[in-house]
Protein backbone atom coordinates (compact mmCIF):
# COMPACT_ATOMS: atom_id res chain seq x y z
CA MET A 1 -0.05 -0.07 0.00
CA THR A 2 1.06 3.60 -0.64
CA THR A 3 -0.07 6.77 1.04
CA LEU A 4 -1.17 9.70 -1.18
CA GLY A 5 0.55 12.93 -0.26
CA SER A 6 0.16 14.12 3.31
CA SER A 7 -3.44 12.58 3.44
CA ASP A 8 -4.49 9.40 5.36
CA LEU A 9 -5.52 7.77 2.09
CA ASP A 10 -3.79 4.44 1.39
CA VAL A 11 -4.02 2.82 -2.05
CA SER A 12 -2.76 -0.20 -3.98
CA PRO A 13 0.42 0.54 -6.02
CA LEU A 14 -1.51 0.25 -9.31
CA CYS A 15 -4.50 2.32 -10.13
CA LEU A 16 -6.94 0.78 -12.58
CA GLY A 17 -8.00 3.36 -15.28
CA GLY A 18 -11.79 3.50 -15.92
CA ASN A 19 -11.64 5.48 -19.16
CA VAL A 20 -12.41 2.34 -21.15
CA PHE A 21 -15.65 1.46 -19.11
CA GLY A 22 -18.63 2.50 -21.27
CA TRP A 23 -16.33 3.23 -24.16
CA THR A 24 -14.54 0.20 -25.67
CA ALA A 25 -15.65 -2.13 -22.72
CA ASP A 26 -19.46 -2.61 -22.15
CA GLU A 27 -20.78 -3.03 -18.61
CA ALA A 28 -20.44 -6.84 -18.50
CA GLU A 29 -16.72 -6.56 -19.80
CA SER A 30 -16.10 -3.80 -17.31
CA PHE A 31 -17.47 -5.91 -14.37
CA ALA A 32 -15.20 -8.77 -15.37
CA VAL A 33 -12.04 -6.47 -15.34
CA LEU A 34 -13.15 -4.78 -12.03
CA ASP A 35 -13.74 -8.24 -10.44
CA ALA A 36 -10.29 -9.47 -11.58
CA PHE A 37 -8.55 -6.37 -10.31
CA ALA A 38 -10.15 -6.64 -6.96
CA GLU A 39 -9.56 -10.37 -6.64
CA ALA A 40 -5.81 -9.64 -7.22
CA GLY A 41 -5.61 -7.11 -4.35
CA GLY A 42 -6.26 -3.89 -6.38
CA ASP A 43 -8.43 -1.32 -4.65
CA PHE A 44 -7.79 1.94 -6.45
CA VAL A 45 -9.93 2.92 -9.49
CA ASP A 46 -9.69 6.13 -11.59
CA THR A 47 -12.57 7.74 -13.64
CA ALA A 48 -13.98 11.04 -14.57
CA ASP A 49 -17.40 12.67 -15.27
CA SER A 50 -16.39 13.14 -18.84
CA TYR A 51 -15.67 9.43 -19.54
CA PHE A 52 -16.78 8.76 -22.18
CA TRP A 53 -18.99 11.51 -23.63
CA ARG A 54 -17.37 11.40 -27.15
CA LYS A 55 -18.76 7.95 -28.04
CA PRO A 56 -21.82 8.19 -30.02
CA GLY A 57 -24.90 7.68 -27.89
CA ASN A 58 -23.06 8.60 -24.66
CA SER A 59 -23.49 11.89 -22.70
CA GLY A 60 -20.76 11.46 -20.14
CA GLY A 61 -20.63 9.72 -16.78
CA GLU A 62 -20.95 6.21 -18.30
CA SER A 63 -17.71 5.04 -16.64
CA GLU A 64 -18.78 6.35 -13.19
CA THR A 65 -22.22 4.76 -13.61
CA ILE A 66 -20.62 1.33 -14.50
CA ILE A 67 -18.25 1.56 -11.47
CA GLY A 68 -21.13 2.61 -9.22
CA ASN A 69 -23.30 -0.23 -10.40
CA TRP A 70 -20.38 -2.63 -9.90
CA MET A 71 -19.70 -1.57 -6.32
CA ALA A 72 -23.54 -1.75 -5.61
CA ALA A 73 -23.67 -5.24 -7.02
CA ARG A 74 -20.60 -6.47 -5.11
CA GLY A 75 -21.19 -4.56 -1.87
CA ASN A 76 -17.60 -3.56 -1.74
CA ARG A 77 -17.80 0.32 -1.75
CA ASP A 78 -15.91 0.49 1.61
CA ARG A 79 -13.07 -1.61 0.22
CA MET A 80 -12.52 0.52 -2.94
CA VAL A 81 -10.79 3.78 -3.33
CA VAL A 82 -12.58 5.78 -6.04
CA ALA A 83 -10.95 8.78 -7.83
CA THR A 84 -12.96 10.89 -10.21
CA LYS A 85 -12.61 14.25 -11.97
CA VAL A 86 -14.69 17.27 -12.74
CA GLY A 87 -14.33 20.26 -15.08
CA ASN A 88 -13.99 18.67 -18.72
CA LEU A 89 -17.56 17.44 -19.30
CA PRO A 90 -19.04 19.68 -21.92
CA SER A 91 -22.44 19.93 -19.99
CA ARG A 92 -20.52 20.72 -16.75
CA PRO A 93 -17.44 22.71 -17.91
CA GLY A 94 -14.92 24.55 -15.82
CA LEU A 95 -13.95 25.09 -12.22
CA SER A 96 -16.37 27.77 -11.06
CA ALA A 97 -17.81 27.08 -7.48
CA ALA A 98 -21.27 26.56 -8.93
CA ASN A 99 -20.08 23.98 -11.44
CA ILE A 100 -17.92 22.13 -8.95
CA ALA A 101 -20.80 21.74 -6.57
CA ALA A 102 -23.25 20.56 -9.19
CA ALA A 103 -20.62 18.26 -11.00
CA ALA A 104 -19.68 16.61 -7.71
CA GLU A 105 -23.37 15.91 -6.89
CA ASP A 106 -23.68 14.22 -10.34
CA CYS A 107 -20.59 12.23 -9.67
CA LEU A 108 -21.94 11.03 -6.35
CA ARG A 109 -25.26 10.03 -7.84
CA ARG A 110 -23.65 8.07 -10.70
CA LEU A 111 -21.13 6.31 -8.36
CA ARG A 112 -23.94 5.50 -6.00
CA THR A 113 -21.98 6.72 -3.02
CA ASP A 114 -22.04 9.36 -0.32
CA HIS A 115 -18.38 10.25 -0.70
CA ILE A 116 -15.63 10.48 -3.22
CA ASP A 117 -12.27 9.43 -2.05
CA LEU A 118 -10.17 11.52 -4.51
CA LEU A 119 -11.67 14.33 -6.56
CA TYR A 120 -9.57 16.11 -9.18
CA ALA A 121 -9.72 19.33 -11.16
CA HIS A 122 -9.55 17.50 -14.53
CA SER A 123 -7.59 20.41 -16.09
CA ASP A 124 -6.74 23.95 -15.15
CA ASP A 125 -9.26 26.73 -15.66
CA GLU A 126 -7.63 30.10 -15.76
CA SER A 127 -10.88 31.90 -16.31
CA VAL A 128 -11.84 31.36 -12.65
CA ALA A 129 -9.83 32.73 -9.70
CA GLN A 130 -8.08 29.76 -7.95
CA GLU A 131 -9.44 31.15 -4.59
CA GLU A 132 -13.00 30.51 -5.83
CA THR A 133 -12.02 26.95 -7.13
CA LEU A 134 -10.20 25.99 -4.01
CA ASP A 135 -12.91 27.26 -1.81
CA ALA A 136 -15.46 25.17 -3.56
CA PHE A 137 -13.30 22.06 -3.21
CA ASP A 138 -12.67 22.80 0.47
CA THR A 139 -16.39 23.04 1.01
CA LEU A 140 -16.84 19.58 -0.34
CA VAL A 141 -14.07 18.19 1.89
CA LYS A 142 -15.55 19.86 5.08
CA ALA A 143 -19.01 18.41 4.18
CA GLY A 144 -17.48 14.91 4.07
CA LYS A 145 -18.33 14.45 0.41
CA VAL A 146 -14.74 14.38 -0.69
CA ARG A 147 -11.75 12.91 1.26
CA VAL A 148 -8.68 14.16 -0.78
CA LEU A 149 -8.16 16.66 -3.61
CA GLY A 150 -6.04 16.32 -6.74
CA ALA A 151 -5.05 18.37 -9.80
CA SER A 152 -4.73 16.94 -13.31
CA ASN A 153 -2.88 18.56 -16.22
CA PHE A 154 -1.65 21.52 -14.17
CA THR A 155 1.63 23.34 -14.87
CA ALA A 156 4.14 23.65 -12.04
CA GLU A 157 3.48 27.39 -11.86
CA ARG A 158 -0.23 26.99 -11.52
CA LEU A 159 0.14 24.11 -8.98
CA ARG A 160 2.52 26.09 -6.89
CA SER A 161 0.10 29.10 -6.91
CA ALA A 162 -2.75 26.84 -5.75
CA LEU A 163 -0.72 25.38 -2.88
CA GLU A 164 0.23 28.83 -1.75
CA ILE A 165 -3.42 29.92 -1.72
CA SER A 166 -4.50 26.86 0.29
CA ALA A 167 -1.83 27.49 2.88
CA ARG A 168 -2.58 31.18 3.08
CA ASP A 169 -6.40 30.70 3.41
CA GLY A 170 -6.45 27.56 5.38
CA LEU A 171 -8.09 25.57 2.61
CA ALA A 172 -7.78 21.85 1.64
CA ARG A 173 -5.01 21.49 -0.77
CA TYR A 174 -4.16 19.34 -3.68
CA GLU A 175 -2.39 16.22 -2.37
CA VAL A 176 -2.09 14.55 -5.78
CA LEU A 177 -1.07 15.39 -9.28
CA GLN A 178 -2.06 13.39 -12.34
CA PRO A 179 0.23 14.26 -15.24
CA HIS A 180 1.15 12.63 -18.53
CA TYR A 181 4.26 10.68 -17.57
CA ASN A 182 5.84 7.38 -18.69
CA LEU A 183 9.01 5.95 -19.97
CA MET A 184 8.49 7.63 -23.35
CA GLU A 185 7.22 10.97 -22.02
CA ARG A 186 9.64 12.19 -19.35
CA ALA A 187 11.18 15.55 -20.03
CA ASP A 188 8.42 18.00 -19.07
CA PHE A 189 7.42 16.23 -15.97
CA GLU A 190 10.88 15.52 -14.67
CA ALA A 191 12.20 19.11 -15.37
CA SER A 192 9.48 21.17 -13.86
CA LEU A 193 6.82 19.23 -11.84
CA ALA A 194 8.87 16.43 -10.12
CA PRO A 195 11.01 18.88 -7.98
CA LEU A 196 7.87 20.69 -6.90
CA LEU A 197 5.99 17.51 -5.91
CA GLN A 198 8.98 16.12 -4.00
CA ALA A 199 9.43 19.42 -2.09
CA GLU A 200 5.69 19.61 -1.19
CA ASN A 201 5.23 15.91 -0.53
CA ILE A 202 2.51 15.62 -3.32
CA SER A 203 2.03 12.21 -4.89
CA CYS A 204 2.17 11.62 -8.70
CA LEU A 205 -0.41 9.40 -10.33
CA PRO A 206 0.55 9.38 -13.92
CA TYR A 207 -1.86 8.68 -16.78
CA TYR A 208 -0.97 7.19 -20.09
CA ALA A 209 1.48 5.11 -17.99
CA LEU A 210 1.91 2.70 -20.87
CA ALA A 211 2.19 5.38 -23.59
CA LYS A 212 -1.08 4.71 -25.23
CA GLY A 213 -0.32 1.00 -25.21
CA PHE A 214 3.12 1.22 -26.78
CA LEU A 215 4.87 0.00 -23.60
CA THR A 216 2.71 -3.21 -23.73
CA GLY A 217 5.13 -4.32 -26.39
CA LYS A 218 2.35 -5.05 -28.89
CA TYR A 219 3.33 -2.15 -31.25
CA ARG A 220 6.43 -3.27 -33.15
CA ASP A 221 7.64 -3.16 -36.77
CA GLY A 222 5.12 -4.95 -39.00
CA ALA A 223 2.54 -5.26 -36.28
CA ASP A 224 -1.13 -4.72 -37.03
CA VAL A 225 -2.91 -3.99 -33.75
CA ASP A 226 -6.72 -3.53 -33.72
CA SER A 227 -7.03 -0.62 -31.25
CA VAL A 228 -8.42 2.85 -31.13
CA ARG A 229 -5.00 3.95 -29.74
CA ALA A 230 -2.92 2.24 -32.41
CA GLU A 231 -1.98 5.40 -34.25
CA GLY A 232 -0.86 7.21 -31.07
CA ALA A 233 1.10 4.12 -29.88
CA MET A 234 2.93 3.49 -33.21
CA ALA A 235 4.12 7.10 -33.13
CA TYR A 236 6.64 6.03 -30.46
CA LEU A 237 8.15 3.33 -32.64
CA ASP A 238 11.44 5.13 -33.63
CA ASP A 239 15.00 4.25 -32.69
CA ARG A 240 14.54 5.25 -29.10
CA GLY A 241 11.27 3.32 -28.79
CA ARG A 242 12.91 0.19 -30.21
CA ARG A 243 15.85 0.54 -27.79
CA VAL A 244 13.26 0.78 -24.76
CA LEU A 245 11.33 -2.19 -26.13
CA THR A 246 14.53 -4.30 -26.38
CA VAL A 247 15.53 -3.54 -22.76
CA LEU A 248 11.90 -4.09 -21.56
CA ASP A 249 11.97 -7.50 -23.33
CA GLU A 250 15.17 -8.50 -21.60
CA ILE A 251 14.04 -7.43 -18.03
CA ALA A 252 10.57 -9.07 -18.57
CA ALA A 253 12.15 -12.34 -19.57
CA GLY A 254 14.45 -12.25 -16.55
CA HIS A 255 11.46 -11.85 -14.14
CA GLY A 256 9.09 -14.00 -16.11
CA VAL A 257 6.49 -11.23 -16.32
CA PRO A 258 4.80 -9.33 -19.20
CA VAL A 259 6.49 -6.27 -20.68
CA ALA A 260 3.78 -3.95 -19.50
CA SER A 261 4.33 -4.84 -15.85
CA VAL A 262 7.96 -3.84 -16.16
CA ALA A 263 7.18 -0.49 -17.69
CA LEU A 264 4.76 0.18 -14.88
CA GLY A 265 7.41 -1.01 -12.44
CA TRP A 266 9.89 1.51 -13.61
CA LEU A 267 7.29 4.21 -13.26
CA ALA A 268 6.36 3.15 -9.71
CA ALA A 269 9.98 3.29 -8.75
CA GLN A 270 10.33 7.02 -9.72
CA PRO A 271 10.44 9.66 -6.98
CA THR A 272 7.00 10.94 -6.03
CA VAL A 273 5.06 8.32 -7.99
CA ALA A 274 2.57 6.58 -5.71
CA ALA A 275 0.51 4.56 -8.31
CA PRO A 276 0.69 4.44 -12.08
CA ILE A 277 -2.71 4.46 -13.85
CA ALA A 278 -3.37 1.87 -16.51
CA SER A 279 -6.50 0.69 -18.20
CA ALA A 280 -7.62 -2.76 -19.47
CA ARG A 281 -10.46 -3.48 -21.77
CA THR A 282 -10.41 -7.22 -21.12
CA THR A 283 -9.16 -9.51 -18.27
CA ALA A 284 -6.50 -10.74 -20.70
CA GLN A 285 -5.15 -7.15 -20.94
CA LEU A 286 -5.50 -6.83 -17.17
CA ALA A 287 -3.31 -9.96 -16.65
CA GLU A 288 -0.44 -8.19 -18.32
CA LEU A 289 -0.59 -5.43 -15.70
CA LEU A 290 -1.23 -7.26 -12.42
CA PRO A 291 2.28 -8.72 -11.90
CA MET A 292 3.35 -5.13 -11.33
CA LEU A 293 1.74 -5.39 -7.91
CA ASP A 294 4.48 -7.75 -6.75
CA LEU A 295 7.31 -6.86 -9.12
CA LYS A 296 10.52 -5.47 -7.62
CA LEU A 297 12.96 -4.27 -10.27
CA THR A 298 16.68 -4.05 -9.28
CA ASP A 299 18.40 -0.65 -9.03
CA ASP A 300 20.41 -1.66 -12.24
CA GLU A 301 17.35 -2.40 -14.12
CA ILE A 302 15.72 0.88 -13.21
CA ARG A 303 18.99 2.71 -14.16
CA LEU A 304 19.18 0.91 -17.45
CA LEU A 305 15.62 1.73 -18.50
CA SER A 306 16.17 5.39 -17.44
CA HIS A 307 19.23 5.48 -19.57
CA VAL A 308 17.73 4.06 -22.83
CA SER A 309 14.64 6.12 -22.53
CA ALA A 310 16.34 9.40 -21.71
């Protein structure tokens, strides 16, 4: 288990991404993945009110609804840690106080719960004063509707500003940052955000932990993968990407685990990272991730991966 920031919220070292629920996985498929994750000891699930409004026929909140239905069916709400986000759903846009309050109530209803363990600002909203946003989030925390706050897709400058306001005004602060960070996407996070998170004891929960699926090892020269993310994943298949896959293959073979779990293991070993976020559309895909829960890479393996991916 790992603790998020300076909060009292403990989570499993792998967070299951819920973005595929209601998008590429229907409710039955989603239930199967969630069941397998929980049976393996996972207790941390990430979603958002905007997942997945872009699919024809959807309006947003489909992932939250599926997760809420699953927890109700299994009677396991108290054993799960649920993270969701507000601010990016077209019908509930932005981080005004009124929108945060309304969006949070919508999330609670869809998740069929009386509290959200971790609530994020899905992306920054510079049209609203940070004081207004943070006061609205603090109100939810004080009301017991939210346990911990997080920021997603914030710059270091804006995150630092938010932390200063929370400290000055005695408001609940962001304890978690969800950035784009993985073996193939390192420079921006490590240069500006990582030092701030380390100094402020803020946990990193990176999304696209497997680089849109590239770090599963499926996307190689000549491969034809049927996936909505195939184009984005194949963009990483250059000389650097091939070197990373070669080392991942070697380390995975040495541990007898899938390539994806090694990529997640490297990420989990980075300073400030509490739990990488990775999604699975099927139980077979999930099986490639789960060994990460028990995987311990050596210092040499971590250094080698850092070197070839630099």
